[in-house]
């Protein structure tokens, strides 16, 4: 457990990231977090923000281009592709093993009513759920798996998978790039990252909460 906490601390340190795989490590982590069930604890939002900071402040670190803007675009494309592939893998996993999830009898960790609720949810607003799940830690790991389990239309899933990835990666990496050379941000990186998670998740949670209240009253 101590090693896990230490690993999380390292993931908020740009220097450690760059000396342990660099942005290629971020690519791997993003894929795992957005498609493999064991990756739900990984911090995608902070990593994207830190990646933007690293790109903005890169002097000695080798990048494909000499121009920072080209490097920014290059890495955002790679990050977006990694999260898209991660979601596709999660969808495949859910679809492949739906016979286990869709079993008729309840188990201690899986209830039929939960599966039916998820199916109804994706039937009603599945595409929207896939897109906004990018901004919700933990949820973004399980959303594509459940989509595959309930056999959400693949073309619809693919469209919102790409859309959500582009918006999520583009917005957070760009924010990190813009603020990357700010001395106050660099000095208070831990607080900035905590604020970032609250900033990107709060609007989604509030919207879902109020929509639920409206649906209940109607």
C-alpha atoms as a PDB file:
ATOM      1  CA  UNK A   1       0.000   0.000   0.000  1.00  0.00           C
ATOM      2  CA  UNK A   2       2.850   2.367   0.811  1.00  0.00           C
ATOM      3  CA  UNK A   3       4.370   1.678  -2.594  1.00  0.00           C
ATOM      4  CA  UNK A   4       1.044   2.548  -4.240  1.00  0.00           C
ATOM      5  CA  UNK A   5       0.843   5.890  -2.438  1.00  0.00           C
ATOM      6  CA  UNK A   6       4.424   6.602  -3.419  1.00  0.00           C
ATOM      7  CA  UNK A   7       3.587   5.823  -7.043  1.00  0.00           C
ATOM      8  CA  UNK A   8       0.677   8.292  -6.948  1.00  0.00           C
ATOM      9  CA  UNK A   9       2.987  10.967  -5.567  1.00  0.00           C
ATOM     10  CA  UNK A  10       5.407  10.328  -8.401  1.00  0.00           C
ATOM     11  CA  UNK A  11       2.619  10.745 -10.955  1.00  0.00           C
ATOM     12  CA  UNK A  12       2.180  14.353  -9.817  1.00  0.00           C
ATOM     13  CA  UNK A  13       5.877  15.084 -10.335  1.00  0.00           C
ATOM     14  CA  UNK A  14       6.711  16.136 -13.935  1.00  0.00           C
ATOM     15  CA  UNK A  15      10.434  15.444 -13.420  1.00  0.00           C
ATOM     16  CA  UNK A  16       9.766  11.880 -12.230  1.00  0.00           C
ATOM     17  CA  UNK A  17       7.455  11.203 -15.171  1.00  0.00           C
ATOM     18  CA  UNK A  18      10.007  12.450 -17.682  1.00  0.00           C
ATOM     19  CA  UNK A  19      12.761  10.308 -16.148  1.00  0.00           C
ATOM     20  CA  UNK A  20      10.577   7.169 -16.052  1.00  0.00           C
ATOM     21  CA  UNK A  21       9.199   6.766 -19.528  1.00  0.00           C
ATOM     22  CA  UNK A  22       8.191  10.346 -20.184  1.00  0.00           C
ATOM     23  CA  UNK A  23       4.988  11.033 -22.027  1.00  0.00           C
ATOM     24  CA  UNK A  24       5.038   7.470 -23.355  1.00  0.00           C
ATOM     25  CA  UNK A  25       4.319   6.373 -19.787  1.00  0.00           C
ATOM     26  CA  UNK A  26       1.322   8.719 -19.820  1.00  0.00           C
ATOM     27  CA  UNK A  27       0.108   7.071 -23.031  1.00  0.00           C
ATOM     28  CA  UNK A  28       0.181   3.662 -21.364  1.00  0.00           C
ATOM     29  CA  UNK A  29      -1.555   4.876 -18.207  1.00  0.00           C
ATOM     30  CA  UNK A  30      -4.315   6.589 -20.194  1.00  0.00           C
ATOM     31  CA  UNK A  31      -4.991   3.382 -22.124  1.00  0.00           C
ATOM     32  CA  UNK A  32      -5.165   1.319 -18.939  1.00  0.00           C
ATOM     33  CA  UNK A  33      -7.379   3.802 -17.090  1.00  0.00           C
ATOM     34  CA  UNK A  34      -9.919   4.183 -19.899  1.00  0.00           C
ATOM     35  CA  UNK A  35     -10.324   0.541 -20.853  1.00  0.00           C
ATOM     36  CA  UNK A  36      -8.960  -1.995 -18.382  1.00  0.00           C
ATOM     37  CA  UNK A  37     -10.995  -2.650 -15.261  1.00  0.00           C
ATOM     38  CA  UNK A  38      -7.980  -2.600 -12.916  1.00  0.00           C
ATOM     39  CA  UNK A  39      -7.065   0.930 -14.015  1.00  0.00           C
ATOM     40  CA  UNK A  40      -9.956   2.721 -12.308  1.00  0.00           C
ATOM     41  CA  UNK A  41      -7.651   4.205  -9.638  1.00  0.00           C
ATOM     42  CA  UNK A  42      -5.277   5.921 -12.087  1.00  0.00           C
ATOM     43  CA  UNK A  43      -5.303   9.761 -12.247  1.00  0.00           C
ATOM     44  CA  UNK A  44      -6.008  10.617 -15.884  1.00  0.00           C
ATOM     45  CA  UNK A  45      -6.955  14.278 -15.393  1.00  0.00           C
ATOM     46  CA  UNK A  46      -3.808  15.275 -13.466  1.00  0.00           C
ATOM     47  CA  UNK A  47      -1.593  13.370 -15.916  1.00  0.00           C
ATOM     48  CA  UNK A  48      -3.052  15.198 -18.906  1.00  0.00           C
ATOM     49  CA  UNK A  49      -2.587  18.545 -17.157  1.00  0.00           C
ATOM     50  CA  UNK A  50       0.999  17.736 -16.198  1.00  0.00           C
ATOM     51  CA  UNK A  51       1.687  16.582 -19.762  1.00  0.00           C
ATOM     52  CA  UNK A  52       0.615  19.989 -21.018  1.00  0.00           C
ATOM     53  CA  UNK A  53       2.972  21.611 -18.492  1.00  0.00           C
ATOM     54  CA  UNK A  54       5.841  19.374 -19.603  1.00  0.00           C
ATOM     55  CA  UNK A  55       5.303  20.249 -23.265  1.00  0.00           C
ATOM     56  CA  UNK A  56       5.184  23.963 -22.469  1.00  0.00           C
ATOM     57  CA  UNK A  57       8.407  23.909 -20.462  1.00  0.00           C
ATOM     58  CA  UNK A  58      10.338  21.425 -22.579  1.00  0.00           C
ATOM     59  CA  UNK A  59      13.838  22.692 -23.316  1.00  0.00           C
ATOM     60  CA  UNK A  60      16.256  19.821 -22.911  1.00  0.00           C
ATOM     61  CA  UNK A  61      13.697  17.037 -23.249  1.00  0.00           C
ATOM     62  CA  UNK A  62      13.741  15.550 -26.777  1.00  0.00           C
ATOM     63  CA  UNK A  63      10.477  15.948 -28.691  1.00  0.00           C
ATOM     64  CA  UNK A  64       9.632  15.203 -32.317  1.00  0.00           C
ATOM     65  CA  UNK A  65       9.561  18.880 -33.288  1.00  0.00           C
ATOM     66  CA  UNK A  66      11.398  22.055 -32.381  1.00  0.00           C
ATOM     67  CA  UNK A  67       8.122  23.982 -32.334  1.00  0.00           C
ATOM     68  CA  UNK A  68       6.161  23.700 -29.058  1.00  0.00           C
ATOM     69  CA  UNK A  69       2.779  24.108 -30.740  1.00  0.00           C
ATOM     70  CA  UNK A  70       3.518  21.219 -33.109  1.00  0.00           C
ATOM     71  CA  UNK A  71       4.629  19.138 -30.127  1.00  0.00           C
ATOM     72  CA  UNK A  72       1.407  20.010 -28.338  1.00  0.00           C
ATOM     73  CA  UNK A  73      -0.710  18.906 -31.295  1.00  0.00           C
ATOM     74  CA  UNK A  74       1.400  15.770 -31.779  1.00  0.00           C
ATOM     75  CA  UNK A  75       1.023  14.590 -28.189  1.00  0.00           C
ATOM     76  CA  UNK A  76      -2.648  15.502 -27.970  1.00  0.00           C
ATOM     77  CA  UNK A  77      -3.268  13.302 -31.008  1.00  0.00           C
ATOM     78  CA  UNK A  78      -1.378  10.432 -29.361  1.00  0.00           C
ATOM     79  CA  UNK A  79      -3.166  10.902 -26.031  1.00  0.00           C
ATOM     80  CA  UNK A  80      -6.532  11.041 -27.783  1.00  0.00           C
ATOM     81  CA  UNK A  81      -5.737   7.896 -29.744  1.00  0.00           C
ATOM     82  CA  UNK A  82      -4.654   6.079 -26.588  1.00  0.00           C
ATOM     83  CA  UNK A  83      -7.900   6.852 -24.762  1.00  0.00           C
ATOM     84  CA  UNK A  84      -9.994   5.977 -27.826  1.00  0.00           C
ATOM     85  CA  UNK A  85      -8.285   2.594 -28.081  1.00  0.00           C
ATOM     86  CA  UNK A  86      -8.712   2.125 -24.330  1.00  0.00           C
ATOM     87  CA  UNK A  87     -12.471   2.645 -24.617  1.00  0.00           C
ATOM     88  CA  UNK A  88     -12.687   0.297 -27.583  1.00  0.00           C
ATOM     89  CA  UNK A  89     -10.873  -2.354 -25.566  1.00  0.00           C
ATOM     90  CA  UNK A  90     -13.263  -1.782 -22.642  1.00  0.00           C
ATOM     91  CA  UNK A  91     -16.254  -2.133 -24.977  1.00  0.00           C
ATOM     92  CA  UNK A  92     -14.814  -5.353 -26.409  1.00  0.00           C
ATOM     93  CA  UNK A  93     -14.172  -6.708 -22.920  1.00  0.00           C
ATOM     94  CA  UNK A  94     -17.727  -5.958 -21.817  1.00  0.00           C
ATOM     95  CA  UNK A  95     -19.179  -7.483 -24.982  1.00  0.00           C
ATOM     96  CA  UNK A  96     -16.927 -10.557 -24.854  1.00  0.00           C
ATOM     97  CA  UNK A  97     -17.778 -11.380 -21.240  1.00  0.00           C
ATOM     98  CA  UNK A  98     -21.391 -10.224 -21.201  1.00  0.00           C
ATOM     99  CA  UNK A  99     -22.462 -13.825 -20.677  1.00  0.00           C
ATOM    100  CA  UNK A 100     -20.963 -13.572 -17.202  1.00  0.00           C
ATOM    101  CA  UNK A 101     -22.394 -10.153 -16.429  1.00  0.00           C
ATOM    102  CA  UNK A 102     -25.812 -10.955 -17.905  1.00  0.00           C
ATOM    103  CA  UNK A 103     -26.325 -14.182 -15.972  1.00  0.00           C
ATOM    104  CA  UNK A 104     -29.868 -14.575 -14.673  1.00  0.00           C
ATOM    105  CA  UNK A 105     -29.016 -15.221 -11.056  1.00  0.00           C
ATOM    106  CA  UNK A 106     -27.726 -12.552  -8.712  1.00  0.00           C
ATOM    107  CA  UNK A 107     -24.278 -12.765  -7.156  1.00  0.00           C
ATOM    108  CA  UNK A 108     -22.856 -10.993  -4.108  1.00  0.00           C
ATOM    109  CA  UNK A 109     -21.272  -8.321  -6.340  1.00  0.00           C
ATOM    110  CA  UNK A 110     -23.663  -8.255  -9.301  1.00  0.00           C
ATOM    111  CA  UNK A 111     -27.433  -7.715  -9.243  1.00  0.00           C
ATOM    112  CA  UNK A 112     -29.768  -8.140 -12.203  1.00  0.00           C
ATOM    113  CA  UNK A 113     -31.568  -4.893 -11.405  1.00  0.00           C
ATOM    114  CA  UNK A 114     -28.283  -3.001 -11.718  1.00  0.00           C
ATOM    115  CA  UNK A 115     -27.626  -4.455 -15.156  1.00  0.00           C
ATOM    116  CA  UNK A 116     -31.154  -3.621 -16.290  1.00  0.00           C
ATOM    117  CA  UNK A 117     -30.803  -0.089 -14.944  1.00  0.00           C
ATOM    118  CA  UNK A 118     -27.559   0.321 -16.862  1.00  0.00           C
ATOM    119  CA  UNK A 119     -29.190  -1.028 -20.021  1.00  0.00           C
ATOM    120  CA  UNK A 120     -32.073   1.447 -19.706  1.00  0.00           C
ATOM    121  CA  UNK A 121     -29.634   4.274 -19.006  1.00  0.00           C
ATOM    122  CA  UNK A 122     -27.613   3.592 -22.139  1.00  0.00           C
ATOM    123  CA  UNK A 123     -30.762   3.194 -24.212  1.00  0.00           C
ATOM    124  CA  UNK A 124     -31.883   6.650 -23.113  1.00  0.00           C
ATOM    125  CA  UNK A 125     -28.643   8.646 -23.114  1.00  0.00           C
ATOM    126  CA  UNK A 126     -25.882   6.198 -23.931  1.00  0.00           C
ATOM    127  CA  UNK A 127     -23.862   8.449 -26.225  1.00  0.00           C
ATOM    128  CA  UNK A 128     -23.983  11.337 -23.769  1.00  0.00           C
ATOM    129  CA  UNK A 129     -22.935   8.994 -20.968  1.00  0.00           C
ATOM    130  CA  UNK A 130     -19.869   7.820 -22.895  1.00  0.00           C
ATOM    131  CA  UNK A 131     -18.817  11.390 -23.695  1.00  0.00           C
ATOM    132  CA  UNK A 132     -19.168  12.854 -20.196  1.00  0.00           C
ATOM    133  CA  UNK A 133     -17.697   9.762 -18.526  1.00  0.00           C
ATOM    134  CA  UNK A 134     -14.290  11.036 -19.633  1.00  0.00           C
ATOM    135  CA  UNK A 135     -14.527  13.776 -17.023  1.00  0.00           C
ATOM    136  CA  UNK A 136     -15.455  11.448 -14.155  1.00  0.00           C
ATOM    137  CA  UNK A 137     -12.709   9.455 -12.416  1.00  0.00           C
ATOM    138  CA  UNK A 138     -13.542   5.756 -11.995  1.00  0.00           C
ATOM    139  CA  UNK A 139     -16.664   6.148 -14.154  1.00  0.00           C
ATOM    140  CA  UNK A 140     -14.551   6.588 -17.291  1.00  0.00           C
ATOM    141  CA  UNK A 141     -13.050   3.148 -16.676  1.00  0.00           C
ATOM    142  CA  UNK A 142     -16.349   1.295 -16.334  1.00  0.00           C
ATOM    143  CA  UNK A 143     -18.491   3.214 -18.836  1.00  0.00           C
ATOM    144  CA  UNK A 144     -17.164   1.493 -21.991  1.00  0.00           C
ATOM    145  CA  UNK A 145     -17.243  -1.921 -20.297  1.00  0.00           C
ATOM    146  CA  UNK A 146     -20.903  -1.502 -19.395  1.00  0.00           C
ATOM    147  CA  UNK A 147     -21.617  -0.170 -22.893  1.00  0.00           C
ATOM    148  CA  UNK A 148     -20.242  -3.396 -24.339  1.00  0.00           C
ATOM    149  CA  UNK A 149     -22.096  -5.488 -21.784  1.00  0.00           C
ATOM    150  CA  UNK A 150     -25.475  -3.962 -22.640  1.00  0.00           C
ATOM    151  CA  UNK A 151     -24.610  -4.119 -26.358  1.00  0.00           C
ATOM    152  CA  UNK A 152     -24.828  -0.414 -27.045  1.00  0.00           C
ATOM    153  CA  UNK A 153     -24.894   0.331 -30.777  1.00  0.00           C
ATOM    154  CA  UNK A 154     -21.232   0.217 -31.817  1.00  0.00           C
ATOM    155  CA  UNK A 155     -21.363   3.091 -34.310  1.00  0.00           C
ATOM    156  CA  UNK A 156     -23.002   5.299 -31.707  1.00  0.00           C
ATOM    157  CA  UNK A 157     -20.438   4.226 -29.136  1.00  0.00           C
ATOM    158  CA  UNK A 158     -17.556   4.907 -31.535  1.00  0.00           C
ATOM    159  CA  UNK A 159     -18.798   8.411 -32.357  1.00  0.00           C
ATOM    160  CA  UNK A 160     -19.162   9.495 -28.727  1.00  0.00           C
ATOM    161  CA  UNK A 161     -15.963   7.697 -27.779  1.00  0.00           C
ATOM    162  CA  UNK A 162     -14.008   9.839 -30.244  1.00  0.00           C
ATOM    163  CA  UNK A 163     -15.920  13.008 -29.368  1.00  0.00           C
ATOM    164  CA  UNK A 164     -15.405  12.575 -25.628  1.00  0.00           C
ATOM    165  CA  UNK A 165     -11.707  11.789 -26.071  1.00  0.00           C
ATOM    166  CA  UNK A 166     -11.062  14.863 -28.227  1.00  0.00           C
ATOM    167  CA  UNK A 167     -12.829  17.213 -25.793  1.00  0.00           C
ATOM    168  CA  UNK A 168     -11.299  15.671 -22.656  1.00  0.00           C
ATOM    169  CA  UNK A 169      -7.723  15.500 -23.881  1.00  0.00           C
ATOM    170  CA  UNK A 170      -7.841  18.764 -25.813  1.00  0.00           C
ATOM    171  CA  UNK A 171      -9.242  20.836 -22.957  1.00  0.00           C
ATOM    172  CA  UNK A 172      -7.065  19.554 -20.102  1.00  0.00           C
ATOM    173  CA  UNK A 173      -3.765  19.285 -21.985  1.00  0.00           C
ATOM    174  CA  UNK A 174      -4.294  22.763 -23.433  1.00  0.00           C
ATOM    175  CA  UNK A 175      -4.985  24.127 -19.943  1.00  0.00           C
ATOM    176  CA  UNK A 176      -1.772  22.577 -18.654  1.00  0.00           C
ATOM    177  CA  UNK A 177       0.127  23.989 -21.613  1.00  0.00           C
ATOM    178  CA  UNK A 178      -1.225  27.498 -21.053  1.00  0.00           C
ATOM    179  CA  UNK A 179      -0.450  27.458 -17.321  1.00  0.00           C
ATOM    180  CA  UNK A 180       2.698  25.361 -17.581  1.00  0.00           C
ATOM    181  CA  UNK A 181       5.188  28.183 -17.099  1.00  0.00           C
ATOM    182  CA  UNK A 182       3.264  29.986 -14.378  1.00  0.00           C
ATOM    183  CA  UNK A 183       5.501  30.100 -11.248  1.00  0.00           C
ATOM    184  CA  UNK A 184       2.547  29.917  -8.848  1.00  0.00           C
ATOM    185  CA  UNK A 185       1.127  26.853 -10.612  1.00  0.00           C
ATOM    186  CA  UNK A 186       4.503  25.113 -10.529  1.00  0.00           C
ATOM    187  CA  UNK A 187       4.964  25.892  -6.833  1.00  0.00           C
ATOM    188  CA  UNK A 188       1.448  24.753  -5.868  1.00  0.00           C
ATOM    189  CA  UNK A 189       1.039  21.871  -8.286  1.00  0.00           C
ATOM    190  CA  UNK A 190      -0.669  19.576  -5.734  1.00  0.00           C
ATOM    191  CA  UNK A 191      -3.425  22.107  -5.009  1.00  0.00           C
ATOM    192  CA  UNK A 192      -3.801  22.904  -8.690  1.00  0.00           C
ATOM    193  CA  UNK A 193      -4.317  19.228  -9.514  1.00  0.00           C
ATOM    194  CA  UNK A 194      -6.915  18.806  -6.770  1.00  0.00           C
ATOM    195  CA  UNK A 195      -8.702  21.909  -8.001  1.00  0.00           C
ATOM    196  CA  UNK A 196      -8.557  20.583 -11.553  1.00  0.00           C
ATOM    197  CA  UNK A 197     -10.320  17.350 -10.617  1.00  0.00           C
ATOM    198  CA  UNK A 198     -13.054  19.317  -8.844  1.00  0.00           C
ATOM    199  CA  UNK A 199     -13.323  21.750 -11.745  1.00  0.00           C
ATOM    200  CA  UNK A 200     -13.823  19.096 -14.429  1.00  0.00           C
ATOM    201  CA  UNK A 201     -16.082  16.788 -12.414  1.00  0.00           C
ATOM    202  CA  UNK A 202     -18.352  19.220 -10.556  1.00  0.00           C
ATOM    203  CA  UNK A 203     -20.307  20.499 -13.617  1.00  0.00           C
ATOM    204  CA  UNK A 204     -21.011  16.961 -14.789  1.00  0.00           C
ATOM    205  CA  UNK A 205     -22.140  15.769 -11.364  1.00  0.00           C
ATOM    206  CA  UNK A 206     -24.340  18.835 -10.867  1.00  0.00           C
ATOM    207  CA  UNK A 207     -25.937  18.374 -14.287  1.00  0.00           C
ATOM    208  CA  UNK A 208     -26.656  14.706 -13.635  1.00  0.00           C
ATOM    209  CA  UNK A 209     -28.060  15.500 -10.179  1.00  0.00           C
ATOM    210  CA  UNK A 210     -30.442  18.190 -11.399  1.00  0.00           C
ATOM    211  CA  UNK A 211     -31.504  16.112 -14.401  1.00  0.00           C
ATOM    212  CA  UNK A 212     -32.334  13.300 -12.017  1.00  0.00           C
ATOM    213  CA  UNK A 213     -34.456  15.643  -9.896  1.00  0.00           C
ATOM    214  CA  UNK A 214     -36.309  16.846 -12.999  1.00  0.00           C
ATOM    215  CA  UNK A 215     -36.929  13.294 -14.165  1.00  0.00           C
ATOM    216  CA  UNK A 216     -38.231  12.335 -10.730  1.00  0.00           C
ATOM    217  CA  UNK A 217     -40.677  15.230 -10.594  1.00  0.00           C
ATOM    218  CA  UNK A 218     -41.894  14.572 -14.100  1.00  0.00           C
END
